[in-house]
């Protein structure tokens, strides 16, 4: 197996250095797996590129201009990966701690599911007691665009209790293992979704194309909540910032992108109801849902 790992970064040199160090250390323990790492540096000015060249000369570097954000960064990484002829691509973030034997667990898990499947991993908080950030979506109610999760957000869990492989309707880009042929067949991630939702959209498109999507509870990642780009989902914010997020193209709740996602994967006929539910749910989450910080 030839595995290529793609991770984007922007001005997080120290976190990036830690993540790449972990990946190299774990990749050296894999048996029968050739591993390449591609880091997409999207206009970083903190010395990330220089650090990579000096400390990890074996790492492939793709340089962006600072305006690529998540989705284009991933796609440029995928395009570079095509020249390496991989069997699988693993998408990761630069702000993570790999769980014990993470890479070997991911490889073992993908070998247990149907050919052409996509598989993700559990994401937990780095702080203890560990709390669930993502452990899979067991049901997806399309007309409501509602995700029924295996574990609610921020549920405290014992890591050793999470075991096995389960179906998941969607996955985040943080730790998604994809057959490269599937990536090519689906024309990579959709760059209309600049920062958010391209991973969800990809999984749903893959499902429609007949590819199964799973999550492995055997493979775990820990995240630094304060550092992650999605931190606003986990932290308290001001009322004005919340309202402005609906009109911020880089926001998770940017109205045109959410509307497109709903139309593409839900019911066009029920779109007005879906959008109404979306607004009600986001207001409820802002006002009442549990936050970590």
C-alpha atoms as a PDB file:
ATOM      1  CA  UNK A   1       0.000   0.000   0.000  1.00  0.00           C
ATOM      2  CA  UNK A   2       1.134   3.516  -0.798  1.00  0.00           C
ATOM      3  CA  UNK A   3      -0.326   6.058   1.637  1.00  0.00           C
ATOM      4  CA  UNK A   4      -0.059   9.812   1.124  1.00  0.00           C
ATOM      5  CA  UNK A   5      -0.914  12.128   4.018  1.00  0.00           C
ATOM      6  CA  UNK A   6      -2.109  15.634   3.149  1.00  0.00           C
ATOM      7  CA  UNK A   7      -2.381  18.403   5.730  1.00  0.00           C
ATOM      8  CA  UNK A   8      -2.843  22.140   5.245  1.00  0.00           C
ATOM      9  CA  UNK A   9      -1.285  24.737   7.510  1.00  0.00           C
ATOM     10  CA  UNK A  10      -1.242  28.469   8.083  1.00  0.00           C
ATOM     11  CA  UNK A  11       1.052  30.144  10.611  1.00  0.00           C
ATOM     12  CA  UNK A  12       1.145  27.317  13.157  1.00  0.00           C
ATOM     13  CA  UNK A  13       4.778  26.303  12.894  1.00  0.00           C
ATOM     14  CA  UNK A  14       5.155  24.718  16.321  1.00  0.00           C
ATOM     15  CA  UNK A  15       1.938  22.710  16.109  1.00  0.00           C
ATOM     16  CA  UNK A  16       2.857  21.678  12.572  1.00  0.00           C
ATOM     17  CA  UNK A  17       6.306  20.527  13.689  1.00  0.00           C
ATOM     18  CA  UNK A  18       4.770  18.378  16.419  1.00  0.00           C
ATOM     19  CA  UNK A  19       2.201  16.840  14.073  1.00  0.00           C
ATOM     20  CA  UNK A  20       4.718  16.008  11.343  1.00  0.00           C
ATOM     21  CA  UNK A  21       7.099  14.519  13.929  1.00  0.00           C
ATOM     22  CA  UNK A  22       4.345  12.209  15.154  1.00  0.00           C
ATOM     23  CA  UNK A  23       3.413  11.194  11.622  1.00  0.00           C
ATOM     24  CA  UNK A  24       6.978  10.321  10.693  1.00  0.00           C
ATOM     25  CA  UNK A  25       7.465   8.377  13.910  1.00  0.00           C
ATOM     26  CA  UNK A  26       4.310   6.323  13.422  1.00  0.00           C
ATOM     27  CA  UNK A  27       4.808   5.832   9.680  1.00  0.00           C
ATOM     28  CA  UNK A  28       8.153   4.178  10.350  1.00  0.00           C
ATOM     29  CA  UNK A  29       6.323   1.470  12.292  1.00  0.00           C
ATOM     30  CA  UNK A  30       3.990   0.547   9.439  1.00  0.00           C
ATOM     31  CA  UNK A  31       4.675  -2.787   7.756  1.00  0.00           C
ATOM     32  CA  UNK A  32       4.154  -3.048   4.017  1.00  0.00           C
ATOM     33  CA  UNK A  33       3.085   0.588   3.702  1.00  0.00           C
ATOM     34  CA  UNK A  34       5.019   3.291   1.868  1.00  0.00           C
ATOM     35  CA  UNK A  35       4.202   6.719   3.288  1.00  0.00           C
ATOM     36  CA  UNK A  36       4.618  10.215   1.892  1.00  0.00           C
ATOM     37  CA  UNK A  37       3.627  13.422   3.660  1.00  0.00           C
ATOM     38  CA  UNK A  38       2.453  16.526   1.797  1.00  0.00           C
ATOM     39  CA  UNK A  39       2.155  19.794   3.716  1.00  0.00           C
ATOM     40  CA  UNK A  40       0.252  22.590   1.994  1.00  0.00           C
ATOM     41  CA  UNK A  41       1.603  25.871   3.358  1.00  0.00           C
ATOM     42  CA  UNK A  42      -0.963  28.495   2.430  1.00  0.00           C
ATOM     43  CA  UNK A  43       0.994  31.734   2.691  1.00  0.00           C
ATOM     44  CA  UNK A  44       2.454  31.206   6.162  1.00  0.00           C
ATOM     45  CA  UNK A  45       4.811  33.969   7.330  1.00  0.00           C
ATOM     46  CA  UNK A  46       5.975  32.348  10.578  1.00  0.00           C
ATOM     47  CA  UNK A  47       8.839  30.290   9.162  1.00  0.00           C
ATOM     48  CA  UNK A  48       6.791  27.102   8.652  1.00  0.00           C
ATOM     49  CA  UNK A  49       8.251  26.484   5.201  1.00  0.00           C
ATOM     50  CA  UNK A  50      11.819  26.994   6.378  1.00  0.00           C
ATOM     51  CA  UNK A  51      11.220  24.727   9.380  1.00  0.00           C
ATOM     52  CA  UNK A  52       9.910  21.952   7.143  1.00  0.00           C
ATOM     53  CA  UNK A  53      12.857  22.197   4.762  1.00  0.00           C
ATOM     54  CA  UNK A  54      15.409  22.163   7.580  1.00  0.00           C
ATOM     55  CA  UNK A  55      13.808  19.608   9.921  1.00  0.00           C
ATOM     56  CA  UNK A  56      11.862  17.323   7.573  1.00  0.00           C
ATOM     57  CA  UNK A  57      13.562  17.318   4.164  1.00  0.00           C
ATOM     58  CA  UNK A  58      11.602  14.205   3.189  1.00  0.00           C
ATOM     59  CA  UNK A  59       8.284  16.054   3.408  1.00  0.00           C
ATOM     60  CA  UNK A  60       6.711  17.356   0.194  1.00  0.00           C
ATOM     61  CA  UNK A  61       5.740  21.037   0.336  1.00  0.00           C
ATOM     62  CA  UNK A  62       3.037  22.772  -1.704  1.00  0.00           C
ATOM     63  CA  UNK A  63       3.050  26.561  -1.419  1.00  0.00           C
ATOM     64  CA  UNK A  64      -0.170  28.591  -1.514  1.00  0.00           C
ATOM     65  CA  UNK A  65      -0.649  32.349  -1.736  1.00  0.00           C
ATOM     66  CA  UNK A  66      -2.590  32.767   1.491  1.00  0.00           C
ATOM     67  CA  UNK A  67      -6.036  32.795  -0.106  1.00  0.00           C
ATOM     68  CA  UNK A  68      -6.575  29.061  -0.592  1.00  0.00           C
ATOM     69  CA  UNK A  69      -8.106  28.309   2.797  1.00  0.00           C
ATOM     70  CA  UNK A  70      -9.089  24.714   3.596  1.00  0.00           C
ATOM     71  CA  UNK A  71     -10.674  23.298   0.472  1.00  0.00           C
ATOM     72  CA  UNK A  72      -8.334  24.626  -2.202  1.00  0.00           C
ATOM     73  CA  UNK A  73      -5.382  23.737   0.018  1.00  0.00           C
ATOM     74  CA  UNK A  74      -6.609  20.151   0.199  1.00  0.00           C
ATOM     75  CA  UNK A  75      -7.252  19.984  -3.536  1.00  0.00           C
ATOM     76  CA  UNK A  76      -3.805  21.334  -4.376  1.00  0.00           C
ATOM     77  CA  UNK A  77      -2.397  18.690  -2.054  1.00  0.00           C
ATOM     78  CA  UNK A  78      -4.447  16.024  -3.840  1.00  0.00           C
ATOM     79  CA  UNK A  79      -3.206  17.225  -7.225  1.00  0.00           C
ATOM     80  CA  UNK A  80       0.373  16.985  -6.033  1.00  0.00           C
ATOM     81  CA  UNK A  81      -0.370  13.539  -4.591  1.00  0.00           C
ATOM     82  CA  UNK A  82      -1.457  12.326  -8.032  1.00  0.00           C
ATOM     83  CA  UNK A  83       2.168  12.559  -9.174  1.00  0.00           C
ATOM     84  CA  UNK A  84       3.105  10.105  -6.399  1.00  0.00           C
ATOM     85  CA  UNK A  85       0.512   7.529  -7.541  1.00  0.00           C
ATOM     86  CA  UNK A  86      -0.925   6.680  -4.088  1.00  0.00           C
ATOM     87  CA  UNK A  87      -3.445   4.012  -3.208  1.00  0.00           C
ATOM     88  CA  UNK A  88      -4.936   6.068  -0.370  1.00  0.00           C
ATOM     89  CA  UNK A  89      -4.888   9.646   0.851  1.00  0.00           C
ATOM     90  CA  UNK A  90      -5.268  10.530   4.527  1.00  0.00           C
ATOM     91  CA  UNK A  91      -6.489  14.067   5.242  1.00  0.00           C
ATOM     92  CA  UNK A  92      -5.346  15.606   8.515  1.00  0.00           C
ATOM     93  CA  UNK A  93      -5.061  18.904  10.380  1.00  0.00           C
ATOM     94  CA  UNK A  94      -1.925  20.482  11.823  1.00  0.00           C
ATOM     95  CA  UNK A  95      -3.283  20.872  15.378  1.00  0.00           C
ATOM     96  CA  UNK A  96      -3.595  17.280  16.545  1.00  0.00           C
ATOM     97  CA  UNK A  97      -2.049  14.629  18.722  1.00  0.00           C
ATOM     98  CA  UNK A  98      -2.092  11.182  17.188  1.00  0.00           C
ATOM     99  CA  UNK A  99      -3.587   8.453  19.315  1.00  0.00           C
ATOM    100  CA  UNK A 100      -1.477   5.409  20.103  1.00  0.00           C
ATOM    101  CA  UNK A 101      -0.800   3.464  16.881  1.00  0.00           C
ATOM    102  CA  UNK A 102      -3.107   5.834  15.016  1.00  0.00           C
ATOM    103  CA  UNK A 103      -1.726   5.186  11.526  1.00  0.00           C
ATOM    104  CA  UNK A 104      -1.578   1.432  11.958  1.00  0.00           C
ATOM    105  CA  UNK A 105      -5.153   1.411  13.287  1.00  0.00           C
ATOM    106  CA  UNK A 106      -6.348   3.400  10.270  1.00  0.00           C
ATOM    107  CA  UNK A 107      -4.603   1.045   7.855  1.00  0.00           C
ATOM    108  CA  UNK A 108      -5.962  -2.006   9.674  1.00  0.00           C
ATOM    109  CA  UNK A 109      -9.463  -0.528   9.648  1.00  0.00           C
ATOM    110  CA  UNK A 110      -9.541   0.267   5.931  1.00  0.00           C
ATOM    111  CA  UNK A 111      -8.491  -3.314   5.214  1.00  0.00           C
ATOM    112  CA  UNK A 112     -11.550  -4.583   7.124  1.00  0.00           C
ATOM    113  CA  UNK A 113     -14.177  -2.753   5.069  1.00  0.00           C
ATOM    114  CA  UNK A 114     -15.383  -3.017   1.489  1.00  0.00           C
ATOM    115  CA  UNK A 115     -13.097  -1.927  -1.315  1.00  0.00           C
ATOM    116  CA  UNK A 116     -13.738   1.673  -2.301  1.00  0.00           C
ATOM    117  CA  UNK A 117     -14.897   2.656   1.176  1.00  0.00           C
ATOM    118  CA  UNK A 118     -13.949   5.819   3.052  1.00  0.00           C
ATOM    119  CA  UNK A 119     -13.108   5.651   6.740  1.00  0.00           C
ATOM    120  CA  UNK A 120     -12.636   8.226   9.470  1.00  0.00           C
ATOM    121  CA  UNK A 121     -11.580   8.260  13.097  1.00  0.00           C
ATOM    122  CA  UNK A 122     -12.702   9.438  16.502  1.00  0.00           C
ATOM    123  CA  UNK A 123     -11.801  12.990  17.541  1.00  0.00           C
ATOM    124  CA  UNK A 124     -11.473  13.857  21.228  1.00  0.00           C
ATOM    125  CA  UNK A 125     -10.333  16.850  23.225  1.00  0.00           C
ATOM    126  CA  UNK A 126      -6.696  16.908  24.175  1.00  0.00           C
ATOM    127  CA  UNK A 127      -7.640  18.001  27.686  1.00  0.00           C
ATOM    128  CA  UNK A 128      -8.622  15.365  30.215  1.00  0.00           C
ATOM    129  CA  UNK A 129     -11.121  14.033  30.919  1.00  0.00           C
ATOM    130  CA  UNK A 130     -11.374  13.460  27.184  1.00  0.00           C
ATOM    131  CA  UNK A 131     -14.582  14.670  25.566  1.00  0.00           C
ATOM    132  CA  UNK A 132     -15.994  13.616  22.224  1.00  0.00           C
ATOM    133  CA  UNK A 133     -15.736  16.039  19.331  1.00  0.00           C
ATOM    134  CA  UNK A 134     -16.761  13.489  16.703  1.00  0.00           C
ATOM    135  CA  UNK A 135     -17.450   9.761  16.798  1.00  0.00           C
ATOM    136  CA  UNK A 136     -19.600   9.305  13.724  1.00  0.00           C
ATOM    137  CA  UNK A 137     -23.086  10.007  12.410  1.00  0.00           C
ATOM    138  CA  UNK A 138     -25.320   6.948  12.627  1.00  0.00           C
ATOM    139  CA  UNK A 139     -28.290   8.548  10.871  1.00  0.00           C
ATOM    140  CA  UNK A 140     -28.684  11.511   8.562  1.00  0.00           C
ATOM    141  CA  UNK A 141     -32.183  12.945   8.177  1.00  0.00           C
ATOM    142  CA  UNK A 142     -31.785  14.574   4.797  1.00  0.00           C
ATOM    143  CA  UNK A 143     -34.839  16.802   4.611  1.00  0.00           C
ATOM    144  CA  UNK A 144     -33.968  18.289   7.991  1.00  0.00           C
ATOM    145  CA  UNK A 145     -30.216  18.084   7.413  1.00  0.00           C
ATOM    146  CA  UNK A 146     -30.009  16.644  10.903  1.00  0.00           C
ATOM    147  CA  UNK A 147     -27.135  14.458  12.066  1.00  0.00           C
ATOM    148  CA  UNK A 148     -27.929  11.814  14.666  1.00  0.00           C
ATOM    149  CA  UNK A 149     -24.563  11.168  16.299  1.00  0.00           C
ATOM    150  CA  UNK A 150     -23.256   8.121  18.144  1.00  0.00           C
ATOM    151  CA  UNK A 151     -22.136  10.413  20.971  1.00  0.00           C
ATOM    152  CA  UNK A 152     -23.320  13.907  21.759  1.00  0.00           C
ATOM    153  CA  UNK A 153     -20.778  16.719  21.570  1.00  0.00           C
ATOM    154  CA  UNK A 154     -18.499  16.973  24.594  1.00  0.00           C
ATOM    155  CA  UNK A 155     -19.612  13.687  26.128  1.00  0.00           C
ATOM    156  CA  UNK A 156     -16.933  12.443  28.509  1.00  0.00           C
ATOM    157  CA  UNK A 157     -15.595   9.027  27.509  1.00  0.00           C
ATOM    158  CA  UNK A 158     -12.891   6.553  28.384  1.00  0.00           C
ATOM    159  CA  UNK A 159     -10.715   6.142  25.316  1.00  0.00           C
ATOM    160  CA  UNK A 160     -10.280   2.403  25.776  1.00  0.00           C
ATOM    161  CA  UNK A 161     -14.055   1.923  25.684  1.00  0.00           C
ATOM    162  CA  UNK A 162     -14.264   3.122  22.084  1.00  0.00           C
ATOM    163  CA  UNK A 163     -13.656   0.123  19.840  1.00  0.00           C
ATOM    164  CA  UNK A 164     -14.878  -1.225  16.506  1.00  0.00           C
ATOM    165  CA  UNK A 165     -15.895   0.025  13.063  1.00  0.00           C
ATOM    166  CA  UNK A 166     -19.297   1.570  12.383  1.00  0.00           C
ATOM    167  CA  UNK A 167     -21.144   3.156   9.458  1.00  0.00           C
ATOM    168  CA  UNK A 168     -21.064   6.955   9.420  1.00  0.00           C
ATOM    169  CA  UNK A 169     -23.065   9.054   6.996  1.00  0.00           C
ATOM    170  CA  UNK A 170     -20.487  11.830   6.974  1.00  0.00           C
ATOM    171  CA  UNK A 171     -16.972  12.512   8.253  1.00  0.00           C
ATOM    172  CA  UNK A 172     -14.871  15.580   8.988  1.00  0.00           C
ATOM    173  CA  UNK A 173     -11.678  16.157   7.044  1.00  0.00           C
ATOM    174  CA  UNK A 174      -9.725  15.677  10.253  1.00  0.00           C
ATOM    175  CA  UNK A 175      -8.604  12.086   9.761  1.00  0.00           C
ATOM    176  CA  UNK A 176     -10.374  10.829   6.632  1.00  0.00           C
ATOM    177  CA  UNK A 177      -8.780   7.933   4.729  1.00  0.00           C
ATOM    178  CA  UNK A 178      -9.890   7.907   1.093  1.00  0.00           C
ATOM    179  CA  UNK A 179      -9.004   5.615  -1.826  1.00  0.00           C
ATOM    180  CA  UNK A 180      -7.289   7.909  -4.296  1.00  0.00           C
ATOM    181  CA  UNK A 181      -9.343   6.588  -7.198  1.00  0.00           C
ATOM    182  CA  UNK A 182     -12.497   7.681  -5.363  1.00  0.00           C
ATOM    183  CA  UNK A 183     -11.020  11.154  -4.925  1.00  0.00           C
ATOM    184  CA  UNK A 184     -10.285  11.358  -8.639  1.00  0.00           C
ATOM    185  CA  UNK A 185     -13.652   9.956  -9.707  1.00  0.00           C
ATOM    186  CA  UNK A 186     -15.482  12.566  -7.596  1.00  0.00           C
ATOM    187  CA  UNK A 187     -13.182  15.389  -8.758  1.00  0.00           C
ATOM    188  CA  UNK A 188     -11.771  16.052  -5.282  1.00  0.00           C
ATOM    189  CA  UNK A 189     -13.472  18.431  -2.832  1.00  0.00           C
ATOM    190  CA  UNK A 190     -15.865  21.104  -4.102  1.00  0.00           C
ATOM    191  CA  UNK A 191     -14.110  24.475  -3.872  1.00  0.00           C
ATOM    192  CA  UNK A 192     -17.411  26.325  -3.685  1.00  0.00           C
ATOM    193  CA  UNK A 193     -17.238  25.404  -0.007  1.00  0.00           C
ATOM    194  CA  UNK A 194     -14.164  27.483   0.743  1.00  0.00           C
ATOM    195  CA  UNK A 195     -13.523  26.671   4.399  1.00  0.00           C
ATOM    196  CA  UNK A 196     -16.321  24.430   5.673  1.00  0.00           C
ATOM    197  CA  UNK A 197     -18.657  21.671   4.422  1.00  0.00           C
ATOM    198  CA  UNK A 198     -16.491  20.373   1.560  1.00  0.00           C
ATOM    199  CA  UNK A 199     -15.736  17.258   3.625  1.00  0.00           C
ATOM    200  CA  UNK A 200     -19.433  16.659   4.404  1.00  0.00           C
ATOM    201  CA  UNK A 201     -20.361  17.284   0.786  1.00  0.00           C
ATOM    202  CA  UNK A 202     -17.658  14.878  -0.386  1.00  0.00           C
ATOM    203  CA  UNK A 203     -18.907  12.064   1.851  1.00  0.00           C
ATOM    204  CA  UNK A 204     -22.495  12.558   0.726  1.00  0.00           C
ATOM    205  CA  UNK A 205     -21.449  12.598  -2.936  1.00  0.00           C
ATOM    206  CA  UNK A 206     -19.409   9.453  -2.339  1.00  0.00           C
ATOM    207  CA  UNK A 207     -22.416   7.759  -0.758  1.00  0.00           C
ATOM    208  CA  UNK A 208     -24.580   8.632  -3.747  1.00  0.00           C
ATOM    209  CA  UNK A 209     -21.898   7.139  -6.007  1.00  0.00           C
ATOM    210  CA  UNK A 210     -22.101   3.846  -4.113  1.00  0.00           C
ATOM    211  CA  UNK A 211     -19.129   4.146  -1.771  1.00  0.00           C
ATOM    212  CA  UNK A 212     -19.623   3.209   1.851  1.00  0.00           C
ATOM    213  CA  UNK A 213     -18.498   5.505   4.651  1.00  0.00           C
ATOM    214  CA  UNK A 214     -17.300   4.238   8.030  1.00  0.00           C
ATOM    215  CA  UNK A 215     -15.700   5.425  11.234  1.00  0.00           C
ATOM    216  CA  UNK A 216     -13.109   3.488  13.184  1.00  0.00           C
ATOM    217  CA  UNK A 217     -13.307   3.885  16.941  1.00  0.00           C
ATOM    218  CA  UNK A 218      -9.973   2.077  17.147  1.00  0.00           C
ATOM    219  CA  UNK A 219      -8.183   5.075  15.600  1.00  0.00           C
ATOM    220  CA  UNK A 220      -8.226   8.256  17.675  1.00  0.00           C
ATOM    221  CA  UNK A 221      -7.042  11.833  17.333  1.00  0.00           C
ATOM    222  CA  UNK A 222      -6.802  14.438  20.071  1.00  0.00           C
ATOM    223  CA  UNK A 223      -7.391  18.101  19.213  1.00  0.00           C
ATOM    224  CA  UNK A 224      -6.305  21.385  20.738  1.00  0.00           C
ATOM    225  CA  UNK A 225      -9.680  23.120  20.887  1.00  0.00           C
ATOM    226  CA  UNK A 226      -8.283  26.621  21.354  1.00  0.00           C
ATOM    227  CA  UNK A 227      -6.179  26.253  18.214  1.00  0.00           C
ATOM    228  CA  UNK A 228      -8.521  24.547  15.777  1.00  0.00           C
ATOM    229  CA  UNK A 229     -10.255  26.564  13.053  1.00  0.00           C
ATOM    230  CA  UNK A 230     -13.550  25.172  14.241  1.00  0.00           C
ATOM    231  CA  UNK A 231     -13.068  26.498  17.741  1.00  0.00           C
ATOM    232  CA  UNK A 232     -15.991  28.896  17.388  1.00  0.00           C
ATOM    233  CA  UNK A 233     -18.258  25.871  17.425  1.00  0.00           C
ATOM    234  CA  UNK A 234     -16.967  24.972  20.852  1.00  0.00           C
ATOM    235  CA  UNK A 235     -16.496  28.378  22.464  1.00  0.00           C
ATOM    236  CA  UNK A 236     -18.752  31.176  23.600  1.00  0.00           C
ATOM    237  CA  UNK A 237     -18.926  34.166  21.290  1.00  0.00           C
ATOM    238  CA  UNK A 238     -20.607  37.567  21.166  1.00  0.00           C
ATOM    239  CA  UNK A 239     -24.083  38.204  19.793  1.00  0.00           C
ATOM    240  CA  UNK A 240     -22.782  40.490  17.046  1.00  0.00           C
ATOM    241  CA  UNK A 241     -20.129  38.003  15.967  1.00  0.00           C
ATOM    242  CA  UNK A 242     -22.750  35.275  15.851  1.00  0.00           C
ATOM    243  CA  UNK A 243     -25.070  37.324  13.606  1.00  0.00           C
ATOM    244  CA  UNK A 244     -22.222  38.395  11.322  1.00  0.00           C
ATOM    245  CA  UNK A 245     -21.212  34.759  10.861  1.00  0.00           C
ATOM    246  CA  UNK A 246     -24.279  34.196   8.661  1.00  0.00           C
ATOM    247  CA  UNK A 247     -22.758  36.615   6.117  1.00  0.00           C
ATOM    248  CA  UNK A 248     -19.086  35.657   6.464  1.00  0.00           C
ATOM    249  CA  UNK A 249     -17.997  33.530   3.496  1.00  0.00           C
ATOM    250  CA  UNK A 250     -15.459  31.756   5.697  1.00  0.00           C
ATOM    251  CA  UNK A 251     -17.997  30.921   8.403  1.00  0.00           C
ATOM    252  CA  UNK A 252     -19.469  27.523   9.171  1.00  0.00           C
ATOM    253  CA  UNK A 253     -22.987  29.007   8.942  1.00  0.00           C
ATOM    254  CA  UNK A 254     -22.554  31.212   5.858  1.00  0.00           C
ATOM    255  CA  UNK A 255     -26.063  31.251   4.401  1.00  0.00           C
ATOM    256  CA  UNK A 256     -25.370  30.706   0.655  1.00  0.00           C
ATOM    257  CA  UNK A 257     -23.132  27.695   1.289  1.00  0.00           C
ATOM    258  CA  UNK A 258     -25.534  26.112   3.776  1.00  0.00           C
ATOM    259  CA  UNK A 259     -28.372  26.684   1.329  1.00  0.00           C
ATOM    260  CA  UNK A 260     -26.411  25.010  -1.483  1.00  0.00           C
ATOM    261  CA  UNK A 261     -25.567  22.052   0.737  1.00  0.00           C
ATOM    262  CA  UNK A 262     -29.215  21.652   1.712  1.00  0.00           C
ATOM    263  CA  UNK A 263     -30.422  21.824  -1.887  1.00  0.00           C
ATOM    264  CA  UNK A 264     -27.784  19.422  -3.132  1.00  0.00           C
ATOM    265  CA  UNK A 265     -28.286  16.734  -0.511  1.00  0.00           C
ATOM    266  CA  UNK A 266     -31.739  17.388   0.885  1.00  0.00           C
ATOM    267  CA  UNK A 267     -35.166  18.107  -0.549  1.00  0.00           C
ATOM    268  CA  UNK A 268     -35.480  21.106  -2.841  1.00  0.00           C
ATOM    269  CA  UNK A 269     -39.237  21.066  -2.282  1.00  0.00           C
ATOM    270  CA  UNK A 270     -38.765  21.266   1.481  1.00  0.00           C
ATOM    271  CA  UNK A 271     -35.876  23.753   1.295  1.00  0.00           C
ATOM    272  CA  UNK A 272     -37.775  26.621   3.009  1.00  0.00           C
ATOM    273  CA  UNK A 273     -38.575  24.378   5.956  1.00  0.00           C
ATOM    274  CA  UNK A 274     -35.002  23.101   6.086  1.00  0.00           C
ATOM    275  CA  UNK A 275     -33.614  26.640   6.164  1.00  0.00           C
ATOM    276  CA  UNK A 276     -36.070  27.637   8.889  1.00  0.00           C
ATOM    277  CA  UNK A 277     -34.967  24.674  10.980  1.00  0.00           C
ATOM    278  CA  UNK A 278     -31.330  25.624  10.333  1.00  0.00           C
ATOM    279  CA  UNK A 279     -31.845  29.135  11.689  1.00  0.00           C
ATOM    280  CA  UNK A 280     -33.760  27.855  14.695  1.00  0.00           C
ATOM    281  CA  UNK A 281     -31.074  25.250  15.435  1.00  0.00           C
ATOM    282  CA  UNK A 282     -28.178  27.701  15.184  1.00  0.00           C
ATOM    283  CA  UNK A 283     -29.917  30.216  17.444  1.00  0.00           C
ATOM    284  CA  UNK A 284     -30.645  27.443  19.938  1.00  0.00           C
ATOM    285  CA  UNK A 285     -27.025  26.294  19.802  1.00  0.00           C
ATOM    286  CA  UNK A 286     -25.785  29.844  20.385  1.00  0.00           C
ATOM    287  CA  UNK A 287     -28.112  30.478  23.296  1.00  0.00           C
ATOM    288  CA  UNK A 288     -28.301  27.126  25.058  1.00  0.00           C
ATOM    289  CA  UNK A 289     -25.876  24.477  23.823  1.00  0.00           C
ATOM    290  CA  UNK A 290     -22.969  23.443  25.984  1.00  0.00           C
ATOM    291  CA  UNK A 291     -19.615  25.039  25.188  1.00  0.00           C
ATOM    292  CA  UNK A 292     -16.163  23.951  26.265  1.00  0.00           C
ATOM    293  CA  UNK A 293     -14.820  27.437  26.882  1.00  0.00           C
END
